[in-house]
Each structure stands twice: as structure tokens, then as C-alpha cells.
Protein backbone atom coordinates (compact mmCIF):
# COMPACT_ATOMS: atom_id res chain seq x y z
CA MET A 1 0.01 0.07 0.50
CA ARG A 2 3.01 2.04 0.92
CA ALA A 3 3.72 2.07 -3.45
CA PRO A 4 0.42 4.01 -3.80
CA LEU A 5 0.40 6.23 -1.36
CA LEU A 6 3.92 7.86 -2.39
CA MET A 7 2.65 7.78 -6.18
CA ALA A 8 -0.66 10.09 -4.88
CA GLY A 9 2.54 12.35 -2.62
CA LEU A 10 4.74 12.73 -5.64
CA LEU A 11 1.98 13.95 -7.93
CA LEU A 12 0.93 16.46 -5.41
CA ILE A 13 4.68 17.42 -4.66
CA ALA A 14 5.08 17.55 -9.08
CA ALA A 15 1.59 19.68 -8.44
CA PRO A 16 1.70 23.71 -9.33
CA ALA A 17 1.43 26.01 -6.99
CA GLN A 18 -2.65 25.80 -5.50
CA ALA A 19 -3.74 29.05 -4.04
CA ALA A 20 -3.82 29.16 -0.06
CA ASP A 21 -6.90 27.65 0.57
CA ASP A 22 -5.56 24.48 -0.70
CA HIS A 23 -2.51 25.03 1.29
CA THR A 24 -5.37 25.44 4.65
CA ARG A 25 -7.61 22.64 3.47
CA SER A 26 -4.31 20.54 3.31
CA ASN A 27 -3.34 21.76 6.90
CA TYR A 28 -6.92 20.76 7.95
CA VAL A 29 -6.26 17.71 6.73
CA THR A 30 -3.25 17.15 7.92
CA MET A 31 -5.11 17.37 11.33
CA VAL A 32 -8.05 15.39 10.70
CA LEU A 33 -6.10 12.69 9.43
CA GLN A 34 -4.31 13.14 13.02
CA ALA A 35 -6.94 13.36 15.17
CA PHE A 36 -8.38 9.85 13.93
CA ALA A 37 -5.11 7.95 14.30
CA ALA A 38 -5.06 9.02 18.02
CA LYS A 39 -8.71 8.63 18.01
CA VAL A 40 -6.97 4.45 16.89
CA GLU A 41 -3.98 4.81 18.19
CA CYS A 42 -4.04 6.24 21.35
CA PRO A 43 -5.90 5.29 24.75
CA GLY A 44 -9.22 6.83 25.70
CA THR A 45 -8.64 9.30 22.89
CA ASP A 46 -11.99 10.34 21.54
CA VAL A 47 -13.02 12.87 19.06
CA VAL A 48 -16.30 14.73 18.29
CA TYR A 49 -16.85 14.90 14.34
CA GLN A 50 -19.15 18.50 15.27
CA ASP A 51 -15.25 19.91 16.24
CA LEU A 52 -13.76 18.88 13.23
CA VAL A 53 -16.14 20.57 11.57
CA GLN A 54 -16.43 23.84 13.92
CA LYS A 55 -12.48 23.99 12.77
CA ALA A 56 -13.17 23.48 9.35
CA GLN A 57 -15.65 26.30 9.74
CA GLN A 58 -13.24 28.52 11.32
CA MET A 59 -10.78 28.07 8.69
CA GLN A 60 -12.80 29.05 6.25
CA LEU A 61 -12.83 26.17 4.31
CA PRO A 62 -16.01 25.41 2.24
CA ASP A 63 -18.99 23.35 3.60
CA GLY A 64 -18.75 19.65 3.27
CA THR A 65 -15.03 19.34 3.99
CA THR A 66 -15.43 18.37 6.95
CA GLU A 67 -17.69 14.64 5.29
CA GLN A 68 -15.47 14.39 1.81
CA VAL A 69 -12.39 14.17 3.80
CA ARG A 70 -13.62 11.62 6.01
CA LYS A 71 -14.83 9.15 3.37
CA ALA A 72 -11.40 9.86 1.84
CA ILE A 73 -9.41 8.65 5.08
CA ALA A 74 -12.12 5.64 5.77
CA TRP A 75 -11.48 4.55 1.32
CA MET A 76 -7.69 4.89 1.96
CA HIS A 77 -7.05 3.08 4.77
CA THR A 78 -9.64 0.62 4.41
CA GLY A 79 -8.52 0.15 0.35
CA GLY A 80 -12.21 1.05 -0.90
CA LYS A 81 -14.25 -1.12 2.18
CA MET A 82 -15.74 2.50 3.79
CA GLY A 83 -16.26 5.68 3.18
CA GLU A 84 -16.02 6.74 -0.56
CA LYS A 85 -12.81 7.68 -2.71
CA GLN A 86 -12.94 11.78 -3.11
CA ALA A 87 -11.18 14.21 -5.83
CA ASP A 88 -7.51 13.31 -6.71
CA ASP A 89 -6.30 16.36 -5.17
CA ILE A 90 -8.37 15.24 -1.23
CA MET A 91 -7.26 11.93 -2.21
CA ALA A 92 -3.43 13.32 -3.11
CA GLU A 93 -3.38 15.64 0.34
CA VAL A 94 -4.72 11.67 2.46
CA ALA A 95 -1.98 10.62 1.16
CA VAL A 96 0.98 12.74 2.34
CA ALA A 97 -1.22 13.61 5.75
CA THR A 98 -1.41 9.47 5.66
CA GLN A 99 2.62 9.80 5.54
CA MET A 100 4.24 12.36 7.28
CA THR A 101 1.59 10.88 9.98
CA ASP A 102 3.15 7.67 10.00
CA LEU A 103 7.06 8.66 9.76
CA ASP A 104 5.97 10.97 13.39
CA GLN A 105 4.89 8.12 14.88
CA ARG A 106 8.19 6.01 13.48
CA ARG A 107 9.97 8.64 15.21
CA LEU A 108 8.78 10.20 17.67
CA GLY A 109 7.54 6.30 19.06
CA MET A 110 3.35 5.83 19.73
CA SER A 111 3.26 6.60 23.04
CA ASN A 112 5.16 10.55 22.83
CA TRP A 113 2.91 10.79 19.25
CA CYS A 114 0.30 10.49 21.00
CA GLU A 115 1.63 12.26 24.17
CA LYS A 116 2.46 15.39 21.14
CA GLN A 117 -1.41 14.93 19.66
CA LYS A 118 -3.03 16.13 23.16
CA THR A 119 -1.64 19.72 22.61
CA SER A 120 -0.76 20.01 18.72
CA LEU A 121 -4.95 18.65 18.11
CA ALA A 122 -6.35 20.40 21.30
CA GLY A 123 -9.78 20.73 20.57
CA LEU A 124 -10.43 18.28 17.73
CA ILE A 125 -8.95 15.52 20.02
CA ARG A 126 -10.45 14.76 23.54
CA SER A 127 -10.43 12.54 26.31
CA LYS A 128 -12.76 9.64 25.65
CA GLY A 129 -15.61 10.52 27.97
CA GLY A 130 -14.85 14.22 28.58
């Protein structure tokens, strides 16, 4: 599965420079992916969907962005069994975010990565039941 992710990442890097709002969406995609990764990988961590929607609104992203990103992440990380394939640019952003997150997790170790997410994703992740 790493080869398709690498190719998607290379396509994104090779693409001409996009407008600033594309950069903002790319940052958002990374935050959402990391929030869901923290929910899966970090004990006692949860994600509240409405918090993700609110963050997208604060970043002035178009309505529906959160759902597109959620579906793209689900599709990519389940081999197409869940979610839905989205536009190529969103799929490429998810691929790059996946690579960056995977590298960070390996570099820091999972427990350190989880601790880092509590700070960097404050407002997007929370303790279960909290």
C-alpha cells in the first residue's frame, strides 16, 4: 500500500503551486487524519465530529469539507471497504498526510506521538467521556 501513497504524494508535490486556500485545506486534512489516528492509536482518546466541522468553519473551508475528508480517509485506510473515493486532490492530500503521520509515529514512537497530539490537536481530540 505504500507505493500508491508514494505516487500520490509525488503527484501532489509535482503539481503546480495552488492557491492559499488549498494549503489551508491540506493543513486541515492533516489535522483530521491525525485526530482519527489518535482516536485509533492512543488509549482514552476520542474525536467529536462536530469539533472537526467547527474547525473547518473557522478555517473558512467550504461546507462539506469535513465529510469529504472523512470519507477519503476511510476509503484509503480500508482499501475501499468504507468511505468513498473523493476528488484526486483530496485523495493526494490524505496520502501525504498519511505518510507524514506514519513517519512521525515511527520517529517519535507511538506513546510520544500520542502525547504530542494532546497538545497539537487540542480542540479536535479529547479524553473519552470528556
